[in-house]
Each structure stands twice: as C-alpha cells, then as structure tokens.
C-alpha atoms as a PDB file:
ATOM      1  CA  UNK A   1     -19.484 -37.086  -5.248  1.00  0.00           C
ATOM      2  CA  UNK A   2     -17.229 -35.076  -7.932  1.00  0.00           C
ATOM      3  CA  UNK A   3     -18.605 -37.344 -10.618  1.00  0.00           C
ATOM      4  CA  UNK A   4     -15.420 -38.705 -12.212  1.00  0.00           C
ATOM      5  CA  UNK A   5     -13.249 -41.542 -12.364  1.00  0.00           C
ATOM      6  CA  UNK A   6     -10.195 -42.150  -9.997  1.00  0.00           C
ATOM      7  CA  UNK A   7      -7.512 -42.620 -12.633  1.00  0.00           C
ATOM      8  CA  UNK A   8      -9.263 -38.683 -13.899  1.00  0.00           C
ATOM      9  CA  UNK A   9      -8.092 -37.392 -10.222  1.00  0.00           C
ATOM     10  CA  UNK A  10      -4.753 -39.392 -10.471  1.00  0.00           C
ATOM     11  CA  UNK A  11      -6.087 -41.877  -7.332  1.00  0.00           C
ATOM     12  CA  UNK A  12      -3.923 -44.709  -7.669  1.00  0.00           C
ATOM     13  CA  UNK A  13      -3.228 -47.651  -6.137  1.00  0.00           C
ATOM     14  CA  UNK A  14       0.138 -49.735  -5.249  1.00  0.00           C
ATOM     15  CA  UNK A  15       1.010 -52.723  -7.823  1.00  0.00           C
ATOM     16  CA  UNK A  16      -1.026 -55.611  -7.389  1.00  0.00           C
ATOM     17  CA  UNK A  17      -1.842 -58.069 -10.287  1.00  0.00           C
ATOM     18  CA  UNK A  18       0.442 -59.382 -12.532  1.00  0.00           C
ATOM     19  CA  UNK A  19       0.424 -60.114 -16.385  1.00  0.00           C
ATOM     20  CA  UNK A  20       2.850 -62.966 -18.697  1.00  0.00           C
ATOM     21  CA  UNK A  21       2.709 -64.453 -22.688  1.00  0.00           C
ATOM     22  CA  UNK A  22       2.419 -62.342 -25.359  1.00  0.00           C
ATOM     23  CA  UNK A  23       1.314 -59.567 -24.946  1.00  0.00           C
ATOM     24  CA  UNK A  24       3.494 -56.393 -25.920  1.00  0.00           C
ATOM     25  CA  UNK A  25       2.269 -52.743 -24.875  1.00  0.00           C
ATOM     26  CA  UNK A  26       3.525 -49.443 -24.048  1.00  0.00           C
ATOM     27  CA  UNK A  27       4.066 -48.043 -20.816  1.00  0.00           C
ATOM     28  CA  UNK A  28       4.470 -44.821 -20.783  1.00  0.00           C
ATOM     29  CA  UNK A  29       6.177 -44.465 -23.925  1.00  0.00           C
ATOM     30  CA  UNK A  30       8.665 -47.807 -22.956  1.00  0.00           C
ATOM     31  CA  UNK A  31       7.808 -50.995 -24.977  1.00  0.00           C
ATOM     32  CA  UNK A  32       6.981 -54.150 -22.543  1.00  0.00           C
ATOM     33  CA  UNK A  33       7.403 -57.516 -24.514  1.00  0.00           C
ATOM     34  CA  UNK A  34       5.661 -59.649 -21.516  1.00  0.00           C
ATOM     35  CA  UNK A  35       6.862 -62.795 -22.758  1.00  0.00           C
ATOM     36  CA  UNK A  36      10.321 -61.718 -21.907  1.00  0.00           C
ATOM     37  CA  UNK A  37       9.639 -60.771 -17.821  1.00  0.00           C
ATOM     38  CA  UNK A  38      10.668 -63.928 -16.818  1.00  0.00           C
ATOM     39  CA  UNK A  39       8.567 -65.600 -14.829  1.00  0.00           C
ATOM     40  CA  UNK A  40       7.662 -63.339 -12.450  1.00  0.00           C
ATOM     41  CA  UNK A  41       5.459 -61.496 -15.522  1.00  0.00           C
ATOM     42  CA  UNK A  42       5.454 -57.445 -15.263  1.00  0.00           C
ATOM     43  CA  UNK A  43       3.325 -55.584 -12.684  1.00  0.00           C
ATOM     44  CA  UNK A  44       0.346 -54.124 -13.895  1.00  0.00           C
ATOM     45  CA  UNK A  45       0.656 -49.976 -14.309  1.00  0.00           C
ATOM     46  CA  UNK A  46      -1.159 -48.396 -11.268  1.00  0.00           C
ATOM     47  CA  UNK A  47      -1.985 -45.509 -13.812  1.00  0.00           C
ATOM     48  CA  UNK A  48      -3.956 -47.390 -16.799  1.00  0.00           C
ATOM     49  CA  UNK A  49      -3.756 -43.702 -19.257  1.00  0.00           C
ATOM     50  CA  UNK A  50       0.145 -45.093 -19.451  1.00  0.00           C
ATOM     51  CA  UNK A  51      -0.910 -48.117 -21.520  1.00  0.00           C
ATOM     52  CA  UNK A  52      -1.551 -47.602 -24.877  1.00  0.00           C
ATOM     53  CA  UNK A  53      -0.230 -50.012 -28.156  1.00  0.00           C
ATOM     54  CA  UNK A  54      -1.976 -53.649 -27.497  1.00  0.00           C
ATOM     55  CA  UNK A  55      -0.320 -56.144 -29.371  1.00  0.00           C
ATOM     56  CA  UNK A  56      -1.143 -59.541 -29.154  1.00  0.00           C
ATOM     57  CA  UNK A  57      -1.042 -63.590 -31.265  1.00  0.00           C
ATOM     58  CA  UNK A  58      -2.869 -64.735 -27.772  1.00  0.00           C
ATOM     59  CA  UNK A  59      -6.280 -66.576 -28.904  1.00  0.00           C
ATOM     60  CA  UNK A  60      -7.318 -65.904 -25.142  1.00  0.00           C
ATOM     61  CA  UNK A  61      -7.296 -64.232 -21.888  1.00  0.00           C
ATOM     62  CA  UNK A  62      -6.774 -66.670 -19.251  1.00  0.00           C
ATOM     63  CA  UNK A  63      -7.523 -64.810 -15.653  1.00  0.00           C
ATOM     64  CA  UNK A  64      -6.147 -66.329 -12.500  1.00  0.00           C
ATOM     65  CA  UNK A  65      -7.387 -66.247  -9.289  1.00  0.00           C
ATOM     66  CA  UNK A  66      -4.596 -67.529  -7.388  1.00  0.00           C
ATOM     67  CA  UNK A  67      -0.518 -66.201  -7.163  1.00  0.00           C
ATOM     68  CA  UNK A  68       0.377 -69.819  -6.808  1.00  0.00           C
ATOM     69  CA  UNK A  69      -1.280 -71.122  -9.828  1.00  0.00           C
ATOM     70  CA  UNK A  70      -0.027 -68.274 -12.041  1.00  0.00           C
ATOM     71  CA  UNK A  71       3.527 -68.829 -10.973  1.00  0.00           C
ATOM     72  CA  UNK A  72       3.168 -72.645 -11.833  1.00  0.00           C
ATOM     73  CA  UNK A  73       1.500 -72.126 -15.658  1.00  0.00           C
ATOM     74  CA  UNK A  74       4.438 -69.291 -15.804  1.00  0.00           C
ATOM     75  CA  UNK A  75       7.176 -71.463 -14.799  1.00  0.00           C
ATOM     76  CA  UNK A  76       6.058 -73.933 -17.394  1.00  0.00           C
ATOM     77  CA  UNK A  77       5.198 -71.210 -19.590  1.00  0.00           C
ATOM     78  CA  UNK A  78       2.034 -72.438 -20.611  1.00  0.00           C
ATOM     79  CA  UNK A  79       1.641 -69.293 -23.650  1.00  0.00           C
ATOM     80  CA  UNK A  80       3.620 -71.085 -25.172  1.00  0.00           C
ATOM     81  CA  UNK A  81       2.139 -74.263 -25.712  1.00  0.00           C
ATOM     82  CA  UNK A  82      -1.767 -72.612 -26.133  1.00  0.00           C
ATOM     83  CA  UNK A  83      -0.977 -69.199 -27.205  1.00  0.00           C
ATOM     84  CA  UNK A  84      -2.578 -66.697 -24.694  1.00  0.00           C
ATOM     85  CA  UNK A  85      -2.142 -64.356 -21.784  1.00  0.00           C
ATOM     86  CA  UNK A  86      -1.728 -65.068 -18.298  1.00  0.00           C
ATOM     87  CA  UNK A  87      -3.417 -62.733 -15.694  1.00  0.00           C
ATOM     88  CA  UNK A  88      -3.558 -62.690 -11.913  1.00  0.00           C
ATOM     89  CA  UNK A  89      -4.668 -59.939  -9.341  1.00  0.00           C
ATOM     90  CA  UNK A  90      -3.448 -62.522  -6.431  1.00  0.00           C
ATOM     91  CA  UNK A  91      -7.374 -62.787  -4.808  1.00  0.00           C
ATOM     92  CA  UNK A  92     -10.044 -60.160  -4.554  1.00  0.00           C
ATOM     93  CA  UNK A  93      -8.589 -58.063  -7.858  1.00  0.00           C
ATOM     94  CA  UNK A  94      -7.589 -54.475  -8.044  1.00  0.00           C
ATOM     95  CA  UNK A  95      -9.037 -51.644  -9.898  1.00  0.00           C
ATOM     96  CA  UNK A  96      -5.885 -51.204 -12.443  1.00  0.00           C
ATOM     97  CA  UNK A  97      -6.160 -54.797 -12.729  1.00  0.00           C
ATOM     98  CA  UNK A  98     -10.044 -55.129 -13.492  1.00  0.00           C
ATOM     99  CA  UNK A  99      -9.143 -51.969 -15.503  1.00  0.00           C
ATOM    100  CA  UNK A 100      -6.305 -53.471 -17.598  1.00  0.00           C
ATOM    101  CA  UNK A 101      -8.692 -56.752 -18.252  1.00  0.00           C
ATOM    102  CA  UNK A 102     -11.114 -54.604 -19.835  1.00  0.00           C
ATOM    103  CA  UNK A 103      -8.696 -52.914 -21.880  1.00  0.00           C
ATOM    104  CA  UNK A 104      -7.029 -56.027 -22.872  1.00  0.00           C
ATOM    105  CA  UNK A 105     -10.709 -57.286 -23.503  1.00  0.00           C
ATOM    106  CA  UNK A 106     -11.766 -54.361 -26.211  1.00  0.00           C
ATOM    107  CA  UNK A 107      -8.574 -53.524 -27.927  1.00  0.00           C
ATOM    108  CA  UNK A 108      -7.429 -57.242 -28.493  1.00  0.00           C
ATOM    109  CA  UNK A 109     -11.309 -58.575 -28.950  1.00  0.00           C
ATOM    110  CA  UNK A 110      -9.853 -61.801 -27.169  1.00  0.00           C
ATOM    111  CA  UNK A 111     -12.488 -64.083 -24.604  1.00  0.00           C
ATOM    112  CA  UNK A 112     -11.935 -64.034 -20.756  1.00  0.00           C
ATOM    113  CA  UNK A 113     -11.628 -67.778 -19.588  1.00  0.00           C
ATOM    114  CA  UNK A 114     -11.422 -67.873 -15.866  1.00  0.00           C
ATOM    115  CA  UNK A 115      -9.883 -70.060 -13.728  1.00  0.00           C
ATOM    116  CA  UNK A 116     -10.953 -69.917 -10.270  1.00  0.00           C
ATOM    117  CA  UNK A 117     -11.181 -72.159  -6.665  1.00  0.00           C
ATOM    118  CA  UNK A 118     -14.003 -74.696  -6.923  1.00  0.00           C
ATOM    119  CA  UNK A 119     -15.886 -72.090  -3.798  1.00  0.00           C
ATOM    120  CA  UNK A 120     -18.122 -69.451  -3.301  1.00  0.00           C
ATOM    121  CA  UNK A 121     -15.824 -66.914  -3.477  1.00  0.00           C
ATOM    122  CA  UNK A 122     -13.829 -68.029  -6.301  1.00  0.00           C
ATOM    123  CA  UNK A 123     -17.030 -67.390  -7.706  1.00  0.00           C
ATOM    124  CA  UNK A 124     -17.333 -63.442  -5.682  1.00  0.00           C
ATOM    125  CA  UNK A 125     -14.356 -63.036  -7.819  1.00  0.00           C
ATOM    126  CA  UNK A 126     -15.490 -63.779 -10.891  1.00  0.00           C
ATOM    127  CA  UNK A 127     -18.780 -61.816 -10.537  1.00  0.00           C
ATOM    128  CA  UNK A 128     -16.777 -58.887  -9.411  1.00  0.00           C
ATOM    129  CA  UNK A 129     -14.192 -58.741 -12.563  1.00  0.00           C
ATOM    130  CA  UNK A 130     -17.863 -59.429 -14.557  1.00  0.00           C
ATOM    131  CA  UNK A 131     -20.465 -57.233 -13.026  1.00  0.00           C
ATOM    132  CA  UNK A 132     -18.308 -54.985 -10.441  1.00  0.00           C
ATOM    133  CA  UNK A 133     -18.511 -54.946  -6.836  1.00  0.00           C
ATOM    134  CA  UNK A 134     -21.320 -53.657  -4.813  1.00  0.00           C
ATOM    135  CA  UNK A 135     -18.727 -50.717  -2.969  1.00  0.00           C
ATOM    136  CA  UNK A 136     -18.257 -49.221  -6.437  1.00  0.00           C
ATOM    137  CA  UNK A 137     -20.985 -49.265  -8.361  1.00  0.00           C
ATOM    138  CA  UNK A 138     -20.654 -46.302  -9.606  1.00  0.00           C
ATOM    139  CA  UNK A 139     -17.465 -46.932 -11.335  1.00  0.00           C
ATOM    140  CA  UNK A 140     -19.037 -50.580 -12.949  1.00  0.00           C
ATOM    141  CA  UNK A 141     -19.146 -49.617 -16.117  1.00  0.00           C
ATOM    142  CA  UNK A 142     -15.233 -48.524 -16.849  1.00  0.00           C
ATOM    143  CA  UNK A 143     -13.841 -51.475 -14.773  1.00  0.00           C
ATOM    144  CA  UNK A 144     -16.110 -54.744 -15.418  1.00  0.00           C
ATOM    145  CA  UNK A 145     -15.393 -57.725 -18.196  1.00  0.00           C
ATOM    146  CA  UNK A 146     -19.236 -58.891 -18.449  1.00  0.00           C
ATOM    147  CA  UNK A 147     -18.359 -61.929 -20.737  1.00  0.00           C
ATOM    148  CA  UNK A 148     -16.345 -64.088 -18.619  1.00  0.00           C
ATOM    149  CA  UNK A 149     -16.424 -67.989 -19.366  1.00  0.00           C
ATOM    150  CA  UNK A 150     -16.026 -69.487 -15.863  1.00  0.00           C
ATOM    151  CA  UNK A 151     -13.416 -72.623 -17.043  1.00  0.00           C
ATOM    152  CA  UNK A 152     -13.141 -74.138 -13.683  1.00  0.00           C
ATOM    153  CA  UNK A 153     -12.722 -75.452 -10.941  1.00  0.00           C
ATOM    154  CA  UNK A 154     -15.837 -76.353 -11.354  1.00  0.00           C
ATOM    155  CA  UNK A 155     -17.546 -78.355  -9.064  1.00  0.00           C
ATOM    156  CA  UNK A 156     -18.815 -80.607 -11.572  1.00  0.00           C
ATOM    157  CA  UNK A 157     -14.742 -81.240 -12.225  1.00  0.00           C
ATOM    158  CA  UNK A 158     -14.391 -82.771  -9.225  1.00  0.00           C
ATOM    159  CA  UNK A 159     -16.179 -86.071  -9.736  1.00  0.00           C
ATOM    160  CA  UNK A 160     -15.184 -85.819 -13.350  1.00  0.00           C
ATOM    161  CA  UNK A 161     -11.748 -86.166 -13.139  1.00  0.00           C
ATOM    162  CA  UNK A 162     -11.767 -87.717  -9.409  1.00  0.00           C
ATOM    163  CA  UNK A 163     -10.079 -84.860  -7.380  1.00  0.00           C
ATOM    164  CA  UNK A 164      -9.148 -87.742  -4.390  1.00  0.00           C
ATOM    165  CA  UNK A 165     -11.532 -86.994  -1.304  1.00  0.00           C
ATOM    166  CA  UNK A 166      -8.310 -85.448   0.943  1.00  0.00           C
ATOM    167  CA  UNK A 167      -8.259 -82.647  -1.353  1.00  0.00           C
ATOM    168  CA  UNK A 168     -11.829 -81.909  -1.557  1.00  0.00           C
ATOM    169  CA  UNK A 169     -12.830 -79.191   2.219  1.00  0.00           C
ATOM    170  CA  UNK A 170     -16.506 -79.656   3.201  1.00  0.00           C
ATOM    171  CA  UNK A 171     -18.260 -76.207   2.802  1.00  0.00           C
ATOM    172  CA  UNK A 172     -19.031 -73.787   5.979  1.00  0.00           C
ATOM    173  CA  UNK A 173     -22.160 -72.366   7.308  1.00  0.00           C
ATOM    174  CA  UNK A 174     -21.483 -69.525   5.942  1.00  0.00           C
ATOM    175  CA  UNK A 175     -19.966 -71.077   2.377  1.00  0.00           C
ATOM    176  CA  UNK A 176     -23.687 -72.638   2.146  1.00  0.00           C
ATOM    177  CA  UNK A 177     -25.093 -68.997   3.226  1.00  0.00           C
ATOM    178  CA  UNK A 178     -22.911 -67.400   0.789  1.00  0.00           C
ATOM    179  CA  UNK A 179     -23.137 -70.035  -2.069  1.00  0.00           C
ATOM    180  CA  UNK A 180     -27.470 -69.335  -2.145  1.00  0.00           C
ATOM    181  CA  UNK A 181     -27.220 -65.435  -2.288  1.00  0.00           C
ATOM    182  CA  UNK A 182     -25.448 -66.330  -5.117  1.00  0.00           C
ATOM    183  CA  UNK A 183     -28.271 -67.954  -6.638  1.00  0.00           C
ATOM    184  CA  UNK A 184     -30.424 -64.806  -6.425  1.00  0.00           C
ATOM    185  CA  UNK A 185     -27.584 -62.421  -8.143  1.00  0.00           C
ATOM    186  CA  UNK A 186     -28.444 -61.695 -11.151  1.00  0.00           C
ATOM    187  CA  UNK A 187     -24.960 -62.282 -12.819  1.00  0.00           C
ATOM    188  CA  UNK A 188     -25.231 -65.680 -12.014  1.00  0.00           C
ATOM    189  CA  UNK A 189     -28.795 -66.817 -12.747  1.00  0.00           C
ATOM    190  CA  UNK A 190     -28.263 -64.931 -16.718  1.00  0.00           C
ATOM    191  CA  UNK A 191     -26.580 -67.870 -16.845  1.00  0.00           C
ATOM    192  CA  UNK A 192     -27.762 -71.158 -16.491  1.00  0.00           C
ATOM    193  CA  UNK A 193     -24.600 -73.448 -16.453  1.00  0.00           C
ATOM    194  CA  UNK A 194     -23.336 -71.551 -13.536  1.00  0.00           C
ATOM    195  CA  UNK A 195     -26.563 -72.053 -11.571  1.00  0.00           C
ATOM    196  CA  UNK A 196     -26.335 -75.540 -12.284  1.00  0.00           C
ATOM    197  CA  UNK A 197     -22.633 -75.902 -10.868  1.00  0.00           C
ATOM    198  CA  UNK A 198     -23.577 -73.642  -7.896  1.00  0.00           C
ATOM    199  CA  UNK A 199     -26.424 -76.196  -6.989  1.00  0.00           C
ATOM    200  CA  UNK A 200     -24.275 -78.744  -7.030  1.00  0.00           C
ATOM    201  CA  UNK A 201     -21.688 -77.490  -4.716  1.00  0.00           C
ATOM    202  CA  UNK A 202     -24.227 -76.268  -2.403  1.00  0.00           C
ATOM    203  CA  UNK A 203     -26.145 -79.564  -2.688  1.00  0.00           C
ATOM    204  CA  UNK A 204     -22.376 -81.834  -2.003  1.00  0.00           C
ATOM    205  CA  UNK A 205     -21.581 -79.143   0.376  1.00  0.00           C
ATOM    206  CA  UNK A 206     -17.350 -79.962  -1.014  1.00  0.00           C
ATOM    207  CA  UNK A 207     -15.493 -77.108  -2.571  1.00  0.00           C
ATOM    208  CA  UNK A 208     -11.630 -77.357  -3.393  1.00  0.00           C
ATOM    209  CA  UNK A 209      -9.091 -74.961  -4.317  1.00  0.00           C
ATOM    210  CA  UNK A 210      -7.093 -74.899  -7.366  1.00  0.00           C
ATOM    211  CA  UNK A 211      -4.288 -76.611  -5.883  1.00  0.00           C
ATOM    212  CA  UNK A 212      -6.224 -79.965  -5.051  1.00  0.00           C
ATOM    213  CA  UNK A 213      -4.525 -81.051  -9.114  1.00  0.00           C
ATOM    214  CA  UNK A 214      -1.430 -80.498  -7.637  1.00  0.00           C
ATOM    215  CA  UNK A 215      -2.390 -84.285  -6.173  1.00  0.00           C
ATOM    216  CA  UNK A 216      -1.745 -85.167  -9.783  1.00  0.00           C
ATOM    217  CA  UNK A 217       1.435 -84.246  -9.860  1.00  0.00           C
ATOM    218  CA  UNK A 218       3.382 -80.594  -9.958  1.00  0.00           C
ATOM    219  CA  UNK A 219       2.341 -80.623 -14.245  1.00  0.00           C
ATOM    220  CA  UNK A 220      -1.162 -82.140 -13.604  1.00  0.00           C
ATOM    221  CA  UNK A 221      -2.696 -78.414 -14.169  1.00  0.00           C
ATOM    222  CA  UNK A 222      -0.406 -77.502 -17.301  1.00  0.00           C
ATOM    223  CA  UNK A 223       0.127 -80.972 -18.807  1.00  0.00           C
ATOM    224  CA  UNK A 224      -3.379 -82.665 -18.442  1.00  0.00           C
ATOM    225  CA  UNK A 225      -6.408 -79.959 -17.010  1.00  0.00           C
ATOM    226  CA  UNK A 226      -6.534 -76.874 -19.017  1.00  0.00           C
ATOM    227  CA  UNK A 227      -5.782 -78.718 -21.698  1.00  0.00           C
ATOM    228  CA  UNK A 228      -8.737 -81.104 -21.474  1.00  0.00           C
ATOM    229  CA  UNK A 229     -10.410 -78.159 -20.952  1.00  0.00           C
ATOM    230  CA  UNK A 230      -8.906 -76.081 -23.565  1.00  0.00           C
ATOM    231  CA  UNK A 231      -9.657 -79.047 -26.551  1.00  0.00           C
ATOM    232  CA  UNK A 232     -13.278 -79.990 -25.377  1.00  0.00           C
ATOM    233  CA  UNK A 233     -13.989 -75.942 -25.184  1.00  0.00           C
ATOM    234  CA  UNK A 234     -15.675 -76.999 -21.696  1.00  0.00           C
ATOM    235  CA  UNK A 235     -16.084 -73.520 -20.335  1.00  0.00           C
ATOM    236  CA  UNK A 236     -19.348 -71.628 -19.210  1.00  0.00           C
END
C-alpha cells in the first residue's frame, strides 16, 4: 500500500534463521566470525540493513531445510572439510533468512545448493527462496535467490542410495495434489531436471525426509552422501 519495503519501515520479525561456517560479517559494527559460533551458529539478524562487510573463502552456500540436518552438519564441522556456509530457516523460510541468503549470494557470488526433504513441501520451500511466496509477491524482487540448485534429497536418490523401504513414506492424496500443482509452476517448468524428479515422485508416490539417511549411521549425511554429491557435481 505504501510502496516501500518492510525493512524501510523498521518492521522486523523475531530471529529464526541461523548461519554457521566460512563467513565473517559485521552486525551493527561488531565483527562476527561464523566458524567460532559453536554448533548452534549465529542467529541471522532480523534487520538486514545492519549487516555488511561480508567476507568468505567458501566455495558454495549450503541451504538446509531442517534444523536437525543443520545441527548434524554443524556438529561434524562439515564446512571445514568442504569450505562452505551453512544456512537454515528451520522449515518455512522467514523474511530475514531470505534477505540474508540473497545478500550473501549477491556479495560473495557463490552458488546456492539446497538440501531439502524429498517431498512436495521440500520443493515448495525451495520455490519460496527462489521466486518468493504468493502472499508477499509485492516484495519478491528484494527477497529471492532465483538460481538455487537442488542438491538433494531427490526422488531418484531413494533408489540410487538404497534408502530402506521402512524409511520411505507413502504420499498422501494432498501430497500428490501438491506435487501435480508444482509441475504447473513456471519456477519448476523452466528446469527439466526438476520436472523429471517431480514426475518420478508423483509416479512412485513415495517421499522421504533427510533423516532417512541416518538409517546408515548418524554421520552418513556428512561423511558419505554430501561428499559424493559434491564430488560428482550431482545437483540440478
């Protein structure tokens, strides 16, 4: 209505997202080193205008849907083995995390690789980061990171990495409808690989959470799955 952004009106939400790894930035004049923030990481500041002087020797930004997977990677200090910055909004992304991700992408010129659940909602969360949410479409240009790559977990990974049947979940009618609706979205349609994966998901009617990988051991995600994915450049 006013034709300006939320931050210009000083409208901010509570802190939700966190970041850890190879990133140094200033927050209102204080220098923050995200390798020295422990397992919890640094809460993403709600007012992004306070953030500046971003420096990093990372090779990519790893965007993680779930807090549990984020904690696993932070505990294993995955960012030391593969120089990266790890970010999560603990589910549906908030405005501050989306702004922070966009700012990192623009200033550091790093690719963004996403680790989400292999279900329609994982892809929906990706689409919010990539092209914005419908109820905030007026502010999308300031919030989006359009060229996010889908690293995993993808429907084709379930057989490729031999995810046990007991760790796969049957899709509900609502899941299938959401999957079919996503196939009509421009954001998905412009990436043939995503269309293929989504078609496979709807056809097999199976979904899986990131945690399904822990059936092979707690450190399988950081020791096997992600290293293989990154070495093979297996993202879409």
